[in-house]
């Protein structure tokens, strides 16, 4: 997930980005009771993943992915997490604040790696996906980030990954229940939003005194929450984020700002920074600022971001 690392990690590993949104789904405790239905073949990003039995050691490359595995009841199988600078799930061994090294990854003895993208598996930093498969290690990529173009990711990519993980873990019923919960949650949001006009919002974050805005899945979060991203279609083709000047933001004068918090960044400090830098912007002047996590875009965290934004815009 190179693009999401650029947008929610590359910028924020320099400031240590905030954790993912918290999933509200109910976890299914305990290991799968049997390997009924195995072996299974699952298609992911155009590749076929083969499992003779549910993996008992899993490494996760994104905090919201770790949370989803826990929600599926696979917490006992989690052997490690990386990219923890973007959000860390307590109780799971850390094998890399950013990308893991080859030795760190292999020392975790994973049978499945649920990765944030294929970019790390270049044969240099980490073994290739094919090399790992020959060692009995399967690599699953977040379905919204099969390519380097993260602008195509959507909130409902979670459906695809839940279906795949349900089969891989031997937990299709649990996956089905979580999908039903996602459906119900987003249906409830749609009911809250209604048919009124979309609210223009600007997604902003800061690093080193500069403002950045975001496209891709954030525009989908806005759409589902009854809003429209004022920077949608403005960024260069394929760009997931871009630096924006104070003058550009002030010229667009968004009525609502969705501020994406980085690690260790408090709402109070962010609000004060906005007041200093964008005092003439209507949203800042009138206090219409909604705070989300920069990394709360994928899996159940993306659904939670939709809910939070919709609740703020449509109380």
Protein backbone atom coordinates (compact mmCIF):
# COMPACT_ATOMS: atom_id res chain seq x y z
CA UNK A 1 0.00 0.00 0.00
CA UNK A 2 2.68 2.44 -1.10
CA UNK A 3 0.22 5.25 -1.77
CA UNK A 4 -1.47 5.01 1.59
CA UNK A 5 1.96 5.00 3.21
CA UNK A 6 2.73 8.21 1.34
CA UNK A 7 -0.54 9.74 2.39
CA UNK A 8 -1.08 8.30 5.83
CA UNK A 9 2.41 7.12 6.71
CA UNK A 10 5.18 8.70 4.61
CA UNK A 11 4.06 12.13 5.74
CA UNK A 12 3.31 10.90 9.21
CA UNK A 13 6.19 8.58 9.93
CA UNK A 14 8.10 11.83 10.18
CA UNK A 15 5.62 12.96 12.79
CA UNK A 16 4.50 9.44 13.89
CA UNK A 17 0.97 9.11 12.65
CA UNK A 18 -2.07 8.42 14.80
CA UNK A 19 -3.74 5.04 15.26
CA UNK A 20 -6.60 3.71 13.21
CA UNK A 21 -10.24 4.15 14.15
CA UNK A 22 -11.63 1.62 16.53
CA UNK A 23 -13.87 -1.07 15.15
CA UNK A 24 -17.20 -1.48 16.87
CA UNK A 25 -17.93 -5.00 15.63
CA UNK A 26 -18.15 -7.83 18.12
CA UNK A 27 -15.18 -10.20 18.09
CA UNK A 28 -15.66 -13.94 17.89
CA UNK A 29 -13.39 -15.41 20.58
CA UNK A 30 -11.26 -18.49 20.33
CA UNK A 31 -9.65 -20.40 17.47
CA UNK A 32 -11.52 -21.97 14.59
CA UNK A 33 -12.90 -25.29 15.77
CA UNK A 34 -11.90 -27.31 12.72
CA UNK A 35 -10.35 -27.17 9.30
CA UNK A 36 -13.60 -28.15 7.61
CA UNK A 37 -13.74 -26.98 4.03
CA UNK A 38 -9.98 -27.03 3.56
CA UNK A 39 -7.92 -26.86 1.47
CA UNK A 40 -9.05 -23.54 0.04
CA UNK A 41 -7.86 -21.32 -2.79
CA UNK A 42 -8.52 -17.59 -2.54
CA UNK A 43 -7.96 -15.01 -5.27
CA UNK A 44 -6.27 -11.80 -4.12
CA UNK A 45 -4.99 -9.07 -6.43
CA UNK A 46 -4.93 -11.47 -9.36
CA UNK A 47 -2.97 -14.17 -7.50
CA UNK A 48 -4.19 -17.46 -6.04
CA UNK A 49 -3.43 -18.09 -2.38
CA UNK A 50 -3.57 -21.73 -1.26
CA UNK A 51 -4.16 -22.93 2.30
CA UNK A 52 -4.26 -26.53 3.49
CA UNK A 53 -5.54 -25.32 6.87
CA UNK A 54 -6.21 -22.00 8.63
CA UNK A 55 -2.94 -20.10 9.25
CA UNK A 56 -1.90 -20.17 12.89
CA UNK A 57 0.71 -17.39 12.58
CA UNK A 58 -0.26 -14.13 10.86
CA UNK A 59 1.66 -10.88 10.41
CA UNK A 60 -0.37 -7.74 9.74
CA UNK A 61 0.95 -4.65 7.97
CA UNK A 62 -1.68 -2.11 9.01
CA UNK A 63 -3.37 -1.45 12.34
CA UNK A 64 -6.90 -1.57 10.96
CA UNK A 65 -6.06 -4.95 9.41
CA UNK A 66 -4.91 -6.20 12.81
CA UNK A 67 -8.17 -4.95 14.32
CA UNK A 68 -10.20 -6.75 11.67
CA UNK A 69 -8.37 -10.02 12.30
CA UNK A 70 -9.18 -9.64 15.98
CA UNK A 71 -12.82 -8.91 15.14
CA UNK A 72 -12.84 -12.19 13.21
CA UNK A 73 -11.59 -13.99 16.32
CA UNK A 74 -8.09 -14.62 14.95
CA UNK A 75 -6.28 -12.61 17.62
CA UNK A 76 -4.45 -15.67 18.96
CA UNK A 77 -2.90 -16.21 15.52
CA UNK A 78 -1.35 -12.73 15.33
CA UNK A 79 2.41 -13.22 15.36
CA UNK A 80 3.39 -9.63 14.60
CA UNK A 81 2.46 -6.21 13.29
CA UNK A 82 4.44 -3.61 11.40
CA UNK A 83 3.87 0.01 10.31
CA UNK A 84 3.11 0.69 13.97
CA UNK A 85 4.15 4.33 13.57
CA UNK A 86 0.76 4.65 11.90
CA UNK A 87 -1.11 2.93 14.70
CA UNK A 88 -0.33 0.11 17.11
CA UNK A 89 -2.70 -2.53 18.41
CA UNK A 90 -1.89 -3.45 22.04
CA UNK A 91 -0.82 -6.99 22.83
CA UNK A 92 0.49 -7.87 19.35
CA UNK A 93 4.29 -8.18 18.91
CA UNK A 94 5.84 -5.29 16.97
CA UNK A 95 8.24 -6.30 14.22
CA UNK A 96 8.67 -2.87 12.68
CA UNK A 97 7.59 0.69 13.39
CA UNK A 98 7.66 1.13 9.64
CA UNK A 99 8.56 -1.64 7.21
CA UNK A 100 10.03 -4.79 8.80
CA UNK A 101 13.46 -6.05 7.91
CA UNK A 102 13.83 -9.43 6.23
CA UNK A 103 15.15 -11.09 9.39
CA UNK A 104 12.45 -9.53 11.57
CA UNK A 105 9.72 -10.73 9.26
CA UNK A 106 10.99 -14.28 8.88
CA UNK A 107 11.72 -14.55 12.61
CA UNK A 108 7.98 -14.14 13.23
CA UNK A 109 7.50 -17.42 11.26
CA UNK A 110 4.33 -16.21 9.51
CA UNK A 111 2.14 -18.48 7.46
CA UNK A 112 0.17 -15.49 6.22
CA UNK A 113 1.23 -11.86 5.79
CA UNK A 114 -1.65 -9.41 5.32
CA UNK A 115 0.28 -6.55 3.77
CA UNK A 116 -0.47 -2.91 3.08
CA UNK A 117 0.84 -3.32 -0.47
CA UNK A 118 3.16 -5.30 -2.70
CA UNK A 119 5.87 -2.61 -2.84
CA UNK A 120 7.98 -4.05 0.00
CA UNK A 121 8.30 -7.49 -1.59
CA UNK A 122 10.93 -6.49 -4.13
CA UNK A 123 13.53 -9.17 -3.38
CA UNK A 124 15.74 -6.57 -1.71
CA UNK A 125 14.08 -5.24 1.41
CA UNK A 126 11.91 -8.35 1.67
CA UNK A 127 11.72 -11.59 -0.34
CA UNK A 128 9.40 -11.51 -3.33
CA UNK A 129 5.86 -12.79 -2.94
CA UNK A 130 6.77 -15.81 -5.08
CA UNK A 131 9.86 -16.53 -2.97
CA UNK A 132 7.78 -16.40 0.20
CA UNK A 133 5.15 -18.69 -1.32
CA UNK A 134 7.86 -21.27 -2.01
CA UNK A 135 8.65 -21.13 1.73
CA UNK A 136 5.01 -21.74 2.59
CA UNK A 137 4.28 -18.10 3.41
CA UNK A 138 1.26 -16.59 1.67
CA UNK A 139 0.96 -12.82 1.13
CA UNK A 140 -2.46 -11.19 0.98
CA UNK A 141 -2.67 -7.52 -0.08
CA UNK A 142 -5.39 -5.12 1.07
CA UNK A 143 -7.77 -5.38 -1.87
CA UNK A 144 -8.06 -1.62 -2.33
CA UNK A 145 -4.30 -1.36 -2.79
CA UNK A 146 -3.53 -4.09 -5.30
CA UNK A 147 -1.84 -1.47 -7.47
CA UNK A 148 0.16 1.65 -6.68
CA UNK A 149 -2.88 3.78 -7.54
CA UNK A 150 -4.49 4.18 -4.12
CA UNK A 151 -7.02 6.66 -5.51
CA UNK A 152 -9.19 3.69 -6.50
CA UNK A 153 -9.62 2.43 -2.92
CA UNK A 154 -13.11 2.58 -1.39
CA UNK A 155 -14.64 2.00 2.03
CA UNK A 156 -16.48 -1.11 0.75
CA UNK A 157 -13.19 -2.84 -0.12
CA UNK A 158 -13.66 -4.32 3.35
CA UNK A 159 -16.32 -6.61 1.85
CA UNK A 160 -13.81 -8.28 -0.46
CA UNK A 161 -11.27 -8.74 2.30
CA UNK A 162 -13.83 -10.10 4.74
CA UNK A 163 -14.95 -12.70 2.21
CA UNK A 164 -11.34 -13.76 1.59
CA UNK A 165 -10.38 -13.85 5.26
CA UNK A 166 -13.50 -15.76 6.19
CA UNK A 167 -12.44 -18.56 3.88
CA UNK A 168 -8.73 -18.38 4.79
CA UNK A 169 -9.42 -18.52 8.53
CA UNK A 170 -12.21 -21.09 8.26
CA UNK A 171 -14.60 -18.50 9.66
CA UNK A 172 -17.10 -17.71 6.89
CA UNK A 173 -19.96 -17.31 9.35
CA UNK A 174 -18.07 -14.75 11.41
CA UNK A 175 -17.07 -12.90 8.25
CA UNK A 176 -20.67 -12.92 7.11
CA UNK A 177 -21.81 -11.45 10.40
CA UNK A 178 -19.24 -8.68 10.14
CA UNK A 179 -20.32 -7.94 6.57
CA UNK A 180 -23.91 -7.73 7.76
CA UNK A 181 -22.82 -5.30 10.47
CA UNK A 182 -21.02 -3.17 7.88
CA UNK A 183 -24.17 -3.16 5.74
CA UNK A 184 -26.31 -2.16 8.71
CA UNK A 185 -23.94 0.57 9.84
CA UNK A 186 -23.66 2.16 6.40
CA UNK A 187 -27.41 1.84 5.85
CA UNK A 188 -27.93 3.69 9.11
CA UNK A 189 -25.56 6.41 7.92
CA UNK A 190 -27.48 6.69 4.65
CA UNK A 191 -30.68 7.12 6.64
CA UNK A 192 -29.08 9.85 8.73
CA UNK A 193 -27.72 11.63 5.65
CA UNK A 194 -30.96 11.50 3.64
CA UNK A 195 -31.31 13.12 0.22
CA UNK A 196 -30.10 16.60 1.09
CA UNK A 197 -27.31 18.40 -0.75
CA UNK A 198 -23.77 17.19 -0.11
CA UNK A 199 -21.72 19.28 2.31
CA UNK A 200 -18.42 20.55 0.84
CA UNK A 201 -15.48 19.55 3.04
CA UNK A 202 -11.72 19.85 2.80
CA UNK A 203 -9.53 17.04 4.17
CA UNK A 204 -6.40 18.58 5.65
CA UNK A 205 -3.36 17.56 7.64
CA UNK A 206 -0.13 19.35 8.46
CA UNK A 207 3.52 18.44 8.46
CA UNK A 208 6.44 20.76 9.07
CA UNK A 209 4.17 23.79 8.86
CA UNK A 210 2.70 22.81 5.49
CA UNK A 211 -0.85 21.75 4.69
CA UNK A 212 -1.67 18.56 2.80
CA UNK A 213 -4.94 17.33 1.35
CA UNK A 214 -6.13 13.87 0.37
CA UNK A 215 -8.07 12.10 -2.37
CA UNK A 216 -9.00 8.47 -3.02
CA UNK A 217 -10.74 6.68 -0.17
CA UNK A 218 -11.21 9.95 1.70
CA UNK A 219 -13.47 11.16 -1.11
CA UNK A 220 -15.45 7.95 -0.71
CA UNK A 221 -15.68 8.51 3.05
CA UNK A 222 -17.03 11.99 2.30
CA UNK A 223 -19.56 10.67 -0.23
CA UNK A 224 -20.95 8.06 2.14
CA UNK A 225 -21.19 10.64 4.92
CA UNK A 226 -23.23 13.05 2.79
CA UNK A 227 -20.33 15.30 1.89
CA UNK A 228 -18.15 16.09 -1.10
CA UNK A 229 -14.38 16.52 -1.06
CA UNK A 230 -13.58 19.97 -2.47
CA UNK A 231 -10.25 18.61 -3.70
CA UNK A 232 -11.76 15.61 -5.48
CA UNK A 233 -10.57 15.63 -9.08
CA UNK A 234 -8.21 18.52 -8.40
CA UNK A 235 -5.04 16.58 -7.65
CA UNK A 236 -2.89 15.18 -10.47
CA UNK A 237 -4.13 11.86 -11.86
CA UNK A 238 -3.19 8.98 -9.58
CA UNK A 239 -2.13 11.28 -6.72
CA UNK A 240 -3.41 10.31 -3.32
CA UNK A 241 -2.27 13.45 -1.54
CA UNK A 242 -0.70 16.82 -2.31
CA UNK A 243 0.63 19.88 -0.55
CA UNK A 244 -1.76 22.83 -0.59
CA UNK A 245 -1.02 26.48 0.05
CA UNK A 246 -2.82 28.56 2.63
CA UNK A 247 -3.97 30.79 -0.22
CA UNK A 248 -5.56 27.89 -2.09
CA UNK A 249 -7.41 26.63 0.98
CA UNK A 250 -8.57 30.14 1.88
CA UNK A 251 -9.71 30.72 -1.70
CA UNK A 252 -11.90 27.60 -1.63
CA UNK A 253 -13.18 28.63 1.80
CA UNK A 254 -14.61 25.21 2.79
CA UNK A 255 -17.57 25.36 5.15
CA UNK A 256 -16.24 22.28 6.97
CA UNK A 257 -12.68 21.10 7.50
CA UNK A 258 -11.97 17.43 8.18
CA UNK A 259 -8.64 17.50 9.95
CA UNK A 260 -6.60 14.30 9.91
CA UNK A 261 -4.72 13.89 13.16
CA UNK A 262 -1.17 12.56 13.21
CA UNK A 263 0.40 10.55 16.02
CA UNK A 264 0.62 12.47 19.24
CA UNK A 265 -1.32 15.38 17.76
CA UNK A 266 -4.19 16.51 19.94
CA UNK A 267 -7.41 18.07 18.72
CA UNK A 268 -6.67 21.11 20.87
CA UNK A 269 -3.25 21.67 19.28
CA UNK A 270 -4.59 21.06 15.78
CA UNK A 271 -7.44 23.51 16.29
CA UNK A 272 -5.03 26.16 17.55
CA UNK A 273 -2.79 25.62 14.51
CA UNK A 274 -5.73 26.00 12.14
CA UNK A 275 -6.76 29.23 13.86
CA UNK A 276 -3.27 30.65 13.41
CA UNK A 277 -2.84 29.56 9.79
CA UNK A 278 -6.38 29.80 8.37
CA UNK A 279 -8.15 32.48 10.42
CA UNK A 280 -10.30 33.67 7.48
CA UNK A 281 -11.61 30.22 6.47
CA UNK A 282 -15.28 29.92 7.37
CA UNK A 283 -14.98 26.41 8.83
CA UNK A 284 -12.14 27.45 11.13
CA UNK A 285 -13.71 30.78 12.08
CA UNK A 286 -17.03 29.14 12.94
CA UNK A 287 -15.58 26.01 14.57
CA UNK A 288 -16.80 23.48 11.99
CA UNK A 289 -13.80 21.16 12.19
CA UNK A 290 -14.18 17.36 12.34
CA UNK A 291 -11.22 15.30 13.53
CA UNK A 292 -10.41 11.88 12.08
CA UNK A 293 -7.32 9.69 12.20
CA UNK A 294 -5.08 9.91 9.14
CA UNK A 295 -4.98 6.14 8.96
CA UNK A 296 -8.65 5.49 9.69
CA UNK A 297 -9.47 4.62 6.08
CA UNK A 298 -9.34 0.86 5.63
CA UNK A 299 -11.36 -2.08 6.92
CA UNK A 300 -13.73 -1.38 9.82
CA UNK A 301 -11.82 1.82 10.62
CA UNK A 302 -13.02 3.29 7.33
CA UNK A 303 -16.63 2.51 8.27
CA UNK A 304 -16.08 4.18 11.65
CA UNK A 305 -14.72 7.28 9.91
CA UNK A 306 -17.85 7.47 7.76
CA UNK A 307 -20.02 7.22 10.87
CA UNK A 308 -18.10 9.92 12.72
CA UNK A 309 -18.13 12.35 9.82
CA UNK A 310 -21.83 11.76 9.12
CA UNK A 311 -22.70 12.28 12.78
CA UNK A 312 -20.84 15.60 12.78
CA UNK A 313 -22.41 16.82 9.55
CA UNK A 314 -25.93 15.51 10.23
CA UNK A 315 -26.51 15.63 13.99
